[in-house]
N, C-alpha and C. Protein backbone atom coordinates (compact mmCIF):
# COMPACT_ATOMS: atom_id res chain seq x y z
N UNK A 1 212.77 253.35 80.56
CA UNK A 1 212.09 254.49 81.20
C UNK A 1 210.77 254.01 81.79
N UNK A 2 210.68 254.03 83.11
CA UNK A 2 209.49 253.54 83.80
C UNK A 2 208.51 254.70 84.00
N UNK A 3 207.30 254.49 83.53
CA UNK A 3 206.25 255.51 83.64
C UNK A 3 205.15 254.98 84.54
N UNK A 4 204.84 255.72 85.59
CA UNK A 4 203.78 255.34 86.53
C UNK A 4 202.45 255.88 86.04
N UNK A 5 201.48 255.00 85.86
CA UNK A 5 200.12 255.37 85.47
C UNK A 5 199.24 255.29 86.71
N UNK A 6 198.73 256.42 87.15
CA UNK A 6 197.97 256.48 88.39
C UNK A 6 196.54 256.02 88.14
N UNK A 7 196.13 254.98 88.85
CA UNK A 7 194.77 254.44 88.72
C UNK A 7 193.97 254.82 89.95
N UNK A 8 193.06 255.78 89.80
CA UNK A 8 192.19 256.18 90.91
C UNK A 8 190.72 255.92 90.55
N UNK A 9 190.54 254.89 89.73
CA UNK A 9 189.21 254.40 89.34
C UNK A 9 188.38 255.45 88.59
N UNK A 10 189.06 256.24 87.77
CA UNK A 10 188.36 257.26 86.99
C UNK A 10 188.55 256.99 85.50
N UNK A 11 188.03 255.87 85.05
CA UNK A 11 188.09 255.55 83.63
C UNK A 11 188.91 254.31 83.34
N UNK A 12 188.71 253.78 82.16
CA UNK A 12 189.41 252.58 81.71
C UNK A 12 190.83 252.95 81.27
N UNK A 13 191.82 252.29 81.84
CA UNK A 13 193.21 252.61 81.53
C UNK A 13 193.76 251.85 80.33
N UNK A 14 192.98 250.91 79.81
CA UNK A 14 193.51 250.01 78.78
C UNK A 14 194.06 250.75 77.57
N UNK A 15 193.29 251.71 77.04
CA UNK A 15 193.73 252.41 75.83
C UNK A 15 194.94 253.30 76.11
N UNK A 16 195.01 253.86 77.32
CA UNK A 16 196.17 254.68 77.69
C UNK A 16 197.42 253.80 77.75
N UNK A 17 197.28 252.62 78.34
CA UNK A 17 198.41 251.69 78.42
C UNK A 17 198.91 251.32 77.03
N UNK A 18 197.98 251.04 76.11
CA UNK A 18 198.37 250.65 74.75
C UNK A 18 199.10 251.78 74.04
N UNK A 19 198.62 253.01 74.24
CA UNK A 19 199.26 254.14 73.57
C UNK A 19 200.68 254.36 74.07
N UNK A 20 200.87 254.27 75.37
CA UNK A 20 202.22 254.45 75.92
C UNK A 20 203.13 253.29 75.52
N UNK A 21 202.58 252.09 75.45
CA UNK A 21 203.38 250.96 74.98
C UNK A 21 203.84 251.20 73.55
N UNK A 22 202.99 251.84 72.74
CA UNK A 22 203.32 252.11 71.34
C UNK A 22 204.47 253.10 71.19
N UNK A 23 204.70 253.94 72.22
CA UNK A 23 205.80 254.90 72.15
C UNK A 23 206.99 254.43 72.99
N UNK A 24 206.97 253.17 73.41
CA UNK A 24 208.13 252.58 74.05
C UNK A 24 208.24 252.74 75.54
N UNK A 25 207.14 253.10 76.21
CA UNK A 25 207.18 253.29 77.66
C UNK A 25 207.07 251.96 78.39
N UNK A 26 207.80 251.84 79.47
CA UNK A 26 207.67 250.70 80.38
C UNK A 26 206.71 251.15 81.48
N UNK A 27 205.43 250.82 81.28
CA UNK A 27 204.37 251.36 82.13
C UNK A 27 204.08 250.44 83.31
N UNK A 28 203.84 251.04 84.48
CA UNK A 28 203.38 250.27 85.63
C UNK A 28 202.35 251.07 86.40
N UNK A 29 201.48 250.36 87.12
CA UNK A 29 200.41 250.99 87.90
C UNK A 29 200.74 250.82 89.38
N UNK A 30 201.18 251.88 90.06
CA UNK A 30 201.55 251.75 91.46
C UNK A 30 200.33 251.56 92.35
N UNK A 31 200.48 250.68 93.35
CA UNK A 31 199.39 250.45 94.30
C UNK A 31 199.47 251.41 95.48
N UNK A 32 200.67 251.89 95.77
CA UNK A 32 200.90 252.79 96.90
C UNK A 32 201.80 253.94 96.45
N UNK A 33 201.65 255.12 97.08
CA UNK A 33 202.48 256.27 96.69
C UNK A 33 203.97 256.00 96.74
N UNK A 34 204.43 255.17 97.68
CA UNK A 34 205.86 254.92 97.81
C UNK A 34 206.46 254.33 96.54
N UNK A 35 205.64 253.63 95.75
CA UNK A 35 206.12 253.01 94.52
C UNK A 35 206.50 254.04 93.46
N UNK A 36 206.06 255.28 93.62
CA UNK A 36 206.40 256.33 92.66
C UNK A 36 207.89 256.65 92.71
N UNK A 37 208.57 256.20 93.76
CA UNK A 37 209.99 256.46 93.88
C UNK A 37 210.81 255.82 92.78
N UNK A 38 210.26 254.81 92.09
CA UNK A 38 210.97 254.15 91.00
C UNK A 38 210.55 254.67 89.63
N UNK A 39 209.67 255.66 89.59
CA UNK A 39 209.13 256.16 88.32
C UNK A 39 210.03 257.24 87.72
N UNK A 40 210.23 257.16 86.42
CA UNK A 40 210.93 258.21 85.69
C UNK A 40 209.98 259.31 85.24
N UNK A 41 208.69 259.00 85.22
CA UNK A 41 207.65 259.96 84.85
C UNK A 41 206.33 259.46 85.43
N UNK A 42 205.38 260.38 85.58
CA UNK A 42 204.07 260.05 86.15
C UNK A 42 202.98 260.56 85.22
N UNK A 43 201.96 259.72 85.00
CA UNK A 43 200.81 260.09 84.18
C UNK A 43 199.54 259.94 85.00
N UNK A 44 198.72 261.00 85.02
CA UNK A 44 197.43 260.97 85.71
C UNK A 44 196.34 261.10 84.65
N UNK A 45 195.68 260.00 84.27
CA UNK A 45 194.60 260.06 83.29
C UNK A 45 193.28 260.39 84.00
N UNK A 46 192.16 260.06 83.37
CA UNK A 46 190.88 260.21 84.06
C UNK A 46 189.77 260.75 83.19
N UNK A 47 188.57 260.25 83.43
CA UNK A 47 187.34 260.76 82.82
C UNK A 47 186.29 260.84 83.92
N UNK A 48 185.28 261.65 83.69
CA UNK A 48 184.19 261.70 84.65
C UNK A 48 184.24 262.93 85.55
N UNK A 49 183.65 262.78 86.73
CA UNK A 49 183.44 263.89 87.66
C UNK A 49 184.72 264.23 88.43
N UNK A 50 184.93 265.53 88.65
CA UNK A 50 186.13 265.97 89.36
C UNK A 50 186.22 265.38 90.77
N UNK A 51 185.08 265.05 91.35
CA UNK A 51 185.08 264.47 92.70
C UNK A 51 185.83 263.14 92.76
N UNK A 52 186.01 262.49 91.60
CA UNK A 52 186.76 261.24 91.59
C UNK A 52 188.19 261.43 92.06
N UNK A 53 188.70 262.66 91.94
CA UNK A 53 190.08 262.92 92.35
C UNK A 53 190.23 262.86 93.88
N UNK A 54 189.13 262.76 94.59
CA UNK A 54 189.20 262.60 96.04
C UNK A 54 189.99 261.34 96.41
N UNK A 55 189.99 260.36 95.51
CA UNK A 55 190.74 259.12 95.75
C UNK A 55 192.24 259.36 95.78
N UNK A 56 192.68 260.49 95.21
CA UNK A 56 194.10 260.85 95.27
C UNK A 56 194.35 261.54 96.61
N UNK A 57 194.55 260.74 97.60
CA UNK A 57 194.66 261.20 98.98
C UNK A 57 195.97 261.96 99.22
N UNK A 58 196.14 262.43 100.44
CA UNK A 58 197.30 263.25 100.79
C UNK A 58 198.61 262.57 100.43
N UNK A 59 198.68 261.25 100.67
CA UNK A 59 199.91 260.53 100.34
C UNK A 59 200.27 260.63 98.88
N UNK A 60 199.28 260.45 98.01
CA UNK A 60 199.52 260.56 96.57
C UNK A 60 199.90 261.99 96.20
N UNK A 61 199.15 262.95 96.72
CA UNK A 61 199.40 264.37 96.39
C UNK A 61 200.82 264.77 96.79
N UNK A 62 201.20 264.47 98.02
CA UNK A 62 202.52 264.87 98.50
C UNK A 62 203.63 264.18 97.73
N UNK A 63 203.44 262.90 97.39
CA UNK A 63 204.47 262.17 96.67
C UNK A 63 204.60 262.66 95.23
N UNK A 64 203.48 262.93 94.59
CA UNK A 64 203.52 263.46 93.22
C UNK A 64 204.17 264.83 93.20
N UNK A 65 203.79 265.69 94.14
CA UNK A 65 204.39 267.03 94.20
C UNK A 65 205.89 266.96 94.48
N UNK A 66 206.29 266.05 95.36
CA UNK A 66 207.71 265.90 95.65
C UNK A 66 208.47 265.44 94.42
N UNK A 67 207.85 264.55 93.64
CA UNK A 67 208.48 264.10 92.41
C UNK A 67 208.65 265.24 91.43
N UNK A 68 207.62 266.06 91.28
CA UNK A 68 207.70 267.20 90.38
C UNK A 68 208.83 268.14 90.82
N UNK A 69 208.92 268.40 92.10
CA UNK A 69 209.97 269.28 92.62
C UNK A 69 211.36 268.69 92.36
N UNK A 70 211.43 267.36 92.28
CA UNK A 70 212.71 266.70 92.02
C UNK A 70 212.99 266.57 90.53
N UNK A 71 212.06 267.04 89.69
CA UNK A 71 212.28 267.02 88.25
C UNK A 71 211.63 265.88 87.50
N UNK A 72 210.76 265.10 88.16
CA UNK A 72 210.08 264.00 87.49
C UNK A 72 208.96 264.56 86.61
N UNK A 73 208.93 264.27 85.31
CA UNK A 73 207.87 264.78 84.44
C UNK A 73 206.49 264.25 84.85
N UNK A 74 205.49 265.09 84.70
CA UNK A 74 204.11 264.76 85.06
C UNK A 74 203.20 265.15 83.91
N UNK A 75 202.32 264.22 83.50
CA UNK A 75 201.34 264.49 82.45
C UNK A 75 199.94 264.21 82.97
N UNK A 76 199.04 265.17 82.83
CA UNK A 76 197.63 264.98 83.14
C UNK A 76 196.83 264.86 81.86
N UNK A 77 195.94 263.87 81.81
CA UNK A 77 195.10 263.64 80.62
C UNK A 77 193.64 263.84 80.99
N UNK A 78 192.93 264.71 80.26
CA UNK A 78 191.50 264.97 80.46
C UNK A 78 191.24 265.42 81.90
N UNK A 79 190.54 264.63 82.69
CA UNK A 79 190.32 265.00 84.09
C UNK A 79 191.64 265.17 84.82
N UNK A 80 192.64 264.38 84.44
CA UNK A 80 193.96 264.50 85.04
C UNK A 80 194.59 265.85 84.78
N UNK A 81 194.34 266.45 83.61
CA UNK A 81 194.83 267.79 83.34
C UNK A 81 194.13 268.80 84.24
N UNK A 82 192.81 268.67 84.38
CA UNK A 82 192.07 269.60 85.23
C UNK A 82 192.57 269.54 86.67
N UNK A 83 192.98 268.35 87.11
CA UNK A 83 193.46 268.16 88.47
C UNK A 83 194.76 268.92 88.73
N UNK A 84 195.51 269.25 87.68
CA UNK A 84 196.74 270.01 87.84
C UNK A 84 196.48 271.42 88.35
N UNK A 85 195.24 271.90 88.16
CA UNK A 85 194.89 273.27 88.53
C UNK A 85 194.44 273.34 90.00
N UNK A 86 193.98 274.49 90.41
CA UNK A 86 193.61 274.71 91.81
C UNK A 86 192.35 273.95 92.21
N UNK A 87 191.48 273.70 91.26
CA UNK A 87 190.24 272.99 91.54
C UNK A 87 189.26 273.19 90.41
N UNK A 88 188.00 272.80 90.64
CA UNK A 88 186.98 272.89 89.61
C UNK A 88 185.64 273.22 90.24
N UNK A 89 184.84 274.01 89.54
CA UNK A 89 183.50 274.31 90.03
C UNK A 89 182.60 273.08 90.00
N UNK A 90 183.06 272.01 89.33
CA UNK A 90 182.29 270.77 89.31
C UNK A 90 182.24 270.12 90.69
N UNK A 91 183.29 270.31 91.48
CA UNK A 91 183.36 269.76 92.84
C UNK A 91 184.17 270.73 93.69
N UNK A 92 183.56 271.84 94.10
CA UNK A 92 184.29 272.92 94.77
C UNK A 92 185.00 272.50 96.07
N UNK A 93 184.51 271.45 96.70
CA UNK A 93 185.10 271.03 97.98
C UNK A 93 186.38 270.23 97.80
N UNK A 94 186.67 269.83 96.57
CA UNK A 94 187.84 268.99 96.33
C UNK A 94 188.94 269.79 95.64
N UNK A 95 190.05 270.03 96.30
CA UNK A 95 191.13 270.81 95.67
C UNK A 95 191.85 270.04 94.60
N UNK A 96 192.44 270.75 93.67
CA UNK A 96 193.30 270.14 92.68
C UNK A 96 194.72 270.01 93.22
N UNK A 97 195.65 269.67 92.34
CA UNK A 97 197.05 269.53 92.74
C UNK A 97 197.70 270.89 92.98
N UNK A 98 197.13 271.92 92.37
CA UNK A 98 197.57 273.31 92.58
C UNK A 98 198.98 273.57 92.06
N UNK A 99 199.34 272.87 90.99
CA UNK A 99 200.60 273.18 90.33
C UNK A 99 200.43 274.31 89.32
N UNK A 100 199.20 274.46 88.79
CA UNK A 100 198.90 275.50 87.82
C UNK A 100 197.80 276.40 88.38
N UNK A 101 197.89 277.68 88.09
CA UNK A 101 196.93 278.66 88.61
C UNK A 101 195.62 278.61 87.83
N UNK A 102 194.50 278.82 88.55
CA UNK A 102 193.20 278.89 87.92
C UNK A 102 192.30 277.74 88.31
N UNK A 103 191.00 277.93 88.09
CA UNK A 103 190.01 276.91 88.41
C UNK A 103 189.26 276.51 87.14
N UNK A 104 188.92 275.24 87.06
CA UNK A 104 188.20 274.72 85.90
C UNK A 104 186.70 275.04 86.02
N UNK A 105 186.03 275.10 84.89
CA UNK A 105 184.62 275.51 84.86
C UNK A 105 183.90 274.77 83.74
N UNK A 106 182.57 274.79 83.81
CA UNK A 106 181.75 274.10 82.81
C UNK A 106 181.63 274.96 81.54
N UNK A 107 181.77 274.31 80.40
CA UNK A 107 181.54 275.01 79.14
C UNK A 107 180.08 275.45 79.07
N UNK A 108 179.81 276.70 78.70
CA UNK A 108 178.43 277.16 78.60
C UNK A 108 177.69 276.49 77.44
N UNK A 109 176.40 276.28 77.64
CA UNK A 109 175.58 275.62 76.62
C UNK A 109 175.08 276.58 75.56
N UNK A 110 175.47 277.85 75.67
CA UNK A 110 175.05 278.84 74.68
C UNK A 110 176.19 279.81 74.45
N UNK A 111 176.38 280.21 73.20
CA UNK A 111 177.41 281.17 72.84
C UNK A 111 176.87 282.11 71.78
N UNK A 112 176.84 283.39 72.10
CA UNK A 112 176.33 284.41 71.17
C UNK A 112 174.93 284.06 70.66
N UNK A 113 174.10 283.56 71.57
CA UNK A 113 172.72 283.24 71.21
C UNK A 113 172.54 281.92 70.50
N UNK A 114 173.61 281.16 70.32
CA UNK A 114 173.55 279.87 69.64
C UNK A 114 173.79 278.75 70.63
N UNK A 115 172.98 277.71 70.55
CA UNK A 115 173.15 276.56 71.44
C UNK A 115 174.44 275.81 71.12
N UNK A 116 175.11 275.35 72.15
CA UNK A 116 176.34 274.58 72.01
C UNK A 116 176.13 273.23 72.67
N UNK A 117 176.44 272.16 71.97
CA UNK A 117 176.22 270.83 72.51
C UNK A 117 177.25 270.51 73.60
N UNK A 118 176.74 270.22 74.79
CA UNK A 118 177.56 269.84 75.93
C UNK A 118 177.07 268.48 76.42
N UNK A 119 177.93 267.50 76.64
CA UNK A 119 179.39 267.59 76.58
C UNK A 119 179.94 267.75 75.16
N UNK A 120 181.15 268.22 75.12
CA UNK A 120 181.88 268.36 73.88
C UNK A 120 182.51 267.00 73.56
N UNK A 121 182.00 266.36 72.52
CA UNK A 121 182.49 265.02 72.15
C UNK A 121 182.83 265.02 70.67
N UNK A 122 184.05 264.60 70.36
CA UNK A 122 184.45 264.47 68.97
C UNK A 122 185.77 265.15 68.67
N UNK A 123 186.08 265.22 67.38
CA UNK A 123 187.35 265.77 66.92
C UNK A 123 187.28 267.28 66.80
N UNK A 124 188.38 267.92 67.18
CA UNK A 124 188.44 269.38 67.08
C UNK A 124 189.90 269.79 66.89
N UNK A 125 190.09 271.01 66.41
CA UNK A 125 191.42 271.47 66.02
C UNK A 125 192.16 272.15 67.17
N UNK A 126 193.48 272.05 67.11
CA UNK A 126 194.36 272.73 68.07
C UNK A 126 194.86 274.03 67.47
N UNK A 127 194.67 275.10 68.20
CA UNK A 127 195.19 276.42 67.82
C UNK A 127 196.42 276.68 68.69
N UNK A 128 197.60 276.57 68.11
CA UNK A 128 198.83 276.71 68.87
C UNK A 128 199.06 278.14 69.32
N UNK A 129 199.37 278.30 70.59
CA UNK A 129 199.67 279.61 71.14
C UNK A 129 201.15 279.75 71.50
N UNK A 130 201.82 278.62 71.75
CA UNK A 130 203.24 278.60 72.07
C UNK A 130 203.89 277.40 71.40
N UNK A 131 205.20 277.43 71.28
CA UNK A 131 205.91 276.33 70.61
C UNK A 131 206.68 275.50 71.63
N UNK A 132 206.01 275.07 72.70
CA UNK A 132 206.67 274.28 73.73
C UNK A 132 206.99 272.88 73.24
N UNK A 133 207.83 272.18 74.03
CA UNK A 133 208.31 270.86 73.62
C UNK A 133 207.19 269.84 73.48
N UNK A 134 206.11 269.99 74.23
CA UNK A 134 205.03 269.00 74.21
C UNK A 134 204.35 268.94 72.84
N UNK A 135 204.45 270.01 72.05
CA UNK A 135 203.81 270.02 70.73
C UNK A 135 204.82 270.05 69.59
N UNK A 136 206.06 269.69 69.86
CA UNK A 136 207.06 269.65 68.81
C UNK A 136 206.61 268.69 67.70
N UNK A 137 206.61 269.18 66.48
CA UNK A 137 206.22 268.35 65.34
C UNK A 137 204.73 268.22 65.13
N UNK A 138 203.90 268.87 65.97
CA UNK A 138 202.45 268.83 65.80
C UNK A 138 202.04 270.04 64.96
N UNK A 139 201.43 269.83 63.79
CA UNK A 139 201.11 270.95 62.92
C UNK A 139 199.95 271.80 63.45
N UNK A 140 199.95 273.09 63.18
CA UNK A 140 198.81 273.93 63.55
C UNK A 140 197.53 273.39 62.94
N UNK A 141 196.46 273.40 63.72
CA UNK A 141 195.18 272.91 63.23
C UNK A 141 195.01 271.41 63.32
N UNK A 142 195.98 270.72 63.91
CA UNK A 142 195.88 269.26 64.05
C UNK A 142 194.62 268.90 64.81
N UNK A 143 193.99 267.81 64.41
CA UNK A 143 192.74 267.37 65.02
C UNK A 143 193.00 266.33 66.10
N UNK A 144 192.32 266.49 67.23
CA UNK A 144 192.43 265.54 68.34
C UNK A 144 191.03 265.26 68.89
N UNK A 145 190.92 264.21 69.69
CA UNK A 145 189.60 263.73 70.12
C UNK A 145 189.30 264.14 71.56
N UNK A 146 188.15 264.82 71.73
CA UNK A 146 187.71 265.31 73.03
C UNK A 146 186.45 264.59 73.51
N UNK A 147 186.28 264.49 74.81
CA UNK A 147 185.00 264.13 75.42
C UNK A 147 184.99 264.69 76.84
N UNK A 148 184.28 265.80 77.04
CA UNK A 148 184.32 266.50 78.33
C UNK A 148 183.25 267.59 78.37
N UNK A 149 182.96 268.05 79.58
CA UNK A 149 182.05 269.17 79.78
C UNK A 149 182.73 270.34 80.48
N UNK A 150 183.77 270.04 81.25
CA UNK A 150 184.49 271.07 81.99
C UNK A 150 185.85 271.31 81.35
N UNK A 151 186.37 272.52 81.54
CA UNK A 151 187.62 272.92 80.88
C UNK A 151 188.48 273.73 81.85
N UNK A 152 189.74 273.84 81.49
CA UNK A 152 190.67 274.67 82.24
C UNK A 152 190.76 276.05 81.58
N UNK A 153 191.04 277.07 82.38
CA UNK A 153 191.13 278.43 81.82
C UNK A 153 192.38 278.62 80.98
N UNK A 154 192.32 279.58 80.10
CA UNK A 154 193.49 279.96 79.31
C UNK A 154 194.37 280.86 80.17
N UNK A 155 195.61 280.45 80.36
CA UNK A 155 196.56 281.20 81.19
C UNK A 155 197.90 281.28 80.47
N UNK A 156 198.89 281.79 81.16
CA UNK A 156 200.23 281.86 80.57
C UNK A 156 200.84 280.48 80.38
N UNK A 157 200.26 279.45 81.00
CA UNK A 157 200.75 278.08 80.83
C UNK A 157 200.10 277.37 79.64
N UNK A 158 199.17 278.03 78.96
CA UNK A 158 198.46 277.41 77.84
C UNK A 158 199.34 277.34 76.60
N UNK A 159 199.44 276.17 76.03
CA UNK A 159 200.24 275.94 74.82
C UNK A 159 199.34 275.94 73.58
N UNK A 160 198.16 275.32 73.70
CA UNK A 160 197.22 275.25 72.57
C UNK A 160 195.80 275.43 73.09
N UNK A 161 194.98 276.02 72.24
CA UNK A 161 193.59 276.33 72.56
C UNK A 161 192.68 275.62 71.57
N UNK A 162 191.51 275.21 72.03
CA UNK A 162 190.47 274.68 71.14
C UNK A 162 189.20 275.48 71.40
N UNK A 163 188.38 275.62 70.38
CA UNK A 163 187.15 276.39 70.50
C UNK A 163 185.93 275.47 70.38
N UNK A 164 185.07 275.51 71.39
CA UNK A 164 183.77 274.83 71.34
C UNK A 164 182.78 275.76 72.02
N UNK A 165 182.23 276.67 71.23
CA UNK A 165 181.40 277.73 71.80
C UNK A 165 182.23 278.89 72.32
N UNK A 166 183.33 278.57 72.96
CA UNK A 166 184.30 279.55 73.40
C UNK A 166 185.66 278.86 73.49
N UNK A 167 186.75 279.62 73.44
CA UNK A 167 188.07 279.00 73.51
C UNK A 167 188.39 278.52 74.93
N UNK A 168 189.13 277.43 75.01
CA UNK A 168 189.57 276.90 76.31
C UNK A 168 190.94 276.26 76.13
N UNK A 169 191.62 276.02 77.23
CA UNK A 169 192.96 275.43 77.19
C UNK A 169 192.87 273.95 76.79
N UNK A 170 193.54 273.59 75.72
CA UNK A 170 193.57 272.20 75.26
C UNK A 170 194.87 271.50 75.64
N UNK A 171 195.96 272.27 75.68
CA UNK A 171 197.26 271.75 76.09
C UNK A 171 197.92 272.79 76.98
N UNK A 172 198.49 272.35 78.08
CA UNK A 172 199.24 273.24 78.97
C UNK A 172 200.62 272.63 79.22
N UNK A 173 201.56 273.50 79.51
CA UNK A 173 202.89 273.03 79.90
C UNK A 173 203.60 274.10 80.71
N UNK A 174 204.17 273.68 81.81
CA UNK A 174 205.08 274.52 82.58
C UNK A 174 206.29 273.66 82.93
N UNK A 175 207.36 273.85 82.17
CA UNK A 175 208.54 273.02 82.39
C UNK A 175 208.26 271.56 82.11
N UNK A 176 208.47 270.71 83.11
CA UNK A 176 208.26 269.27 82.93
C UNK A 176 206.89 268.81 83.40
N UNK A 177 205.97 269.78 83.61
CA UNK A 177 204.57 269.48 83.92
C UNK A 177 203.71 269.84 82.72
N UNK A 178 202.93 268.88 82.23
CA UNK A 178 202.10 269.12 81.05
C UNK A 178 200.73 268.49 81.22
N UNK A 179 199.78 268.97 80.44
CA UNK A 179 198.44 268.41 80.48
C UNK A 179 197.75 268.58 79.14
N UNK A 180 196.86 267.63 78.83
CA UNK A 180 196.07 267.70 77.60
C UNK A 180 194.61 267.43 77.97
N UNK A 181 193.71 268.27 77.48
CA UNK A 181 192.29 268.09 77.77
C UNK A 181 191.68 266.96 76.95
N UNK A 182 192.23 266.73 75.79
CA UNK A 182 191.73 265.66 74.90
C UNK A 182 192.36 264.32 75.29
N UNK A 183 192.02 263.29 74.52
CA UNK A 183 192.55 261.95 74.77
C UNK A 183 193.60 261.63 73.72
N UNK A 184 194.88 261.73 74.04
CA UNK A 184 195.91 261.42 73.04
C UNK A 184 195.86 259.96 72.60
N UNK A 185 195.40 259.07 73.50
CA UNK A 185 195.34 257.65 73.16
C UNK A 185 194.25 257.35 72.13
N UNK A 186 193.37 258.35 71.88
CA UNK A 186 192.32 258.19 70.88
C UNK A 186 192.49 259.15 69.71
N UNK A 187 193.65 259.80 69.65
CA UNK A 187 193.86 260.88 68.68
C UNK A 187 194.87 260.53 67.59
N UNK A 188 195.02 259.24 67.31
CA UNK A 188 195.85 258.82 66.20
C UNK A 188 197.30 259.23 66.34
N UNK A 189 197.94 259.52 65.20
CA UNK A 189 199.37 259.83 65.18
C UNK A 189 199.68 261.12 65.91
N UNK A 190 198.75 262.09 65.89
CA UNK A 190 198.98 263.34 66.62
C UNK A 190 199.09 263.06 68.12
N UNK A 191 198.19 262.24 68.62
CA UNK A 191 198.24 261.89 70.04
C UNK A 191 199.51 261.16 70.41
N UNK A 192 199.95 260.24 69.55
CA UNK A 192 201.19 259.51 69.82
C UNK A 192 202.39 260.44 69.77
N UNK A 193 202.37 261.41 68.88
CA UNK A 193 203.46 262.38 68.81
C UNK A 193 203.58 263.15 70.13
N UNK A 194 202.44 263.54 70.69
CA UNK A 194 202.45 264.27 71.95
C UNK A 194 202.97 263.39 73.09
N UNK A 195 202.61 262.12 73.08
CA UNK A 195 203.13 261.21 74.11
C UNK A 195 204.64 261.01 73.94
N UNK A 196 205.11 260.92 72.70
CA UNK A 196 206.55 260.82 72.48
C UNK A 196 207.27 262.06 73.00
N UNK A 197 206.67 263.22 72.74
CA UNK A 197 207.27 264.47 73.23
C UNK A 197 207.33 264.48 74.75
N UNK A 198 206.28 263.98 75.39
CA UNK A 198 206.30 263.91 76.85
C UNK A 198 207.43 263.00 77.33
N UNK A 199 207.62 261.89 76.66
CA UNK A 199 208.68 260.96 77.05
C UNK A 199 210.06 261.60 76.95
N UNK A 200 210.21 262.56 76.04
CA UNK A 200 211.49 263.24 75.89
C UNK A 200 211.82 264.14 77.09
N UNK A 201 210.82 264.42 77.92
CA UNK A 201 211.05 265.25 79.11
C UNK A 201 211.82 264.47 80.18
N UNK A 202 211.85 263.15 80.04
CA UNK A 202 212.56 262.33 81.03
C UNK A 202 214.06 262.56 80.86
N UNK A 203 214.70 262.98 81.93
CA UNK A 203 216.13 263.32 81.88
C UNK A 203 216.98 262.07 81.66
């Protein structure tokens, strides 16, 4: 099973590669969109500013969307998950992939009169809202590792929620399209379980 890891210069891919290798993926980094034609699944990782997604030009966008329409599983990690949505207030001029409805926004630094540390960095619990395939075998309250300031809204595509001052979408899934706001490659056995579940989406 060949998994394409999209490198758009938004973070170190080394730990993501190691995690996917641990779950048996044959990972490759395509240099051009046309190379996605050999992929059984696509992963879009990323950390940092939403504007970094500008590097995912029309060719990448159209090819990834065509793959999704053809049934190729797609996973967004951290910034990659936010890119699945319509866009983000962090970089309003840069559209997202628009596979999921809603726009990402910055976590507020205050909640009910109490200061909230932003960015949100560290371990936090998953509150399951649905029992989709991406979280099969993941226990309620499982801890995963986050590092981010912006979040995706809670919608009908939300599978799990995490609270940091306010609740936000931690895991989303619509069919064979999924996203995680946290870093599964840094989240121990829970993270590996989620990656294994994603691999099961490959027909």
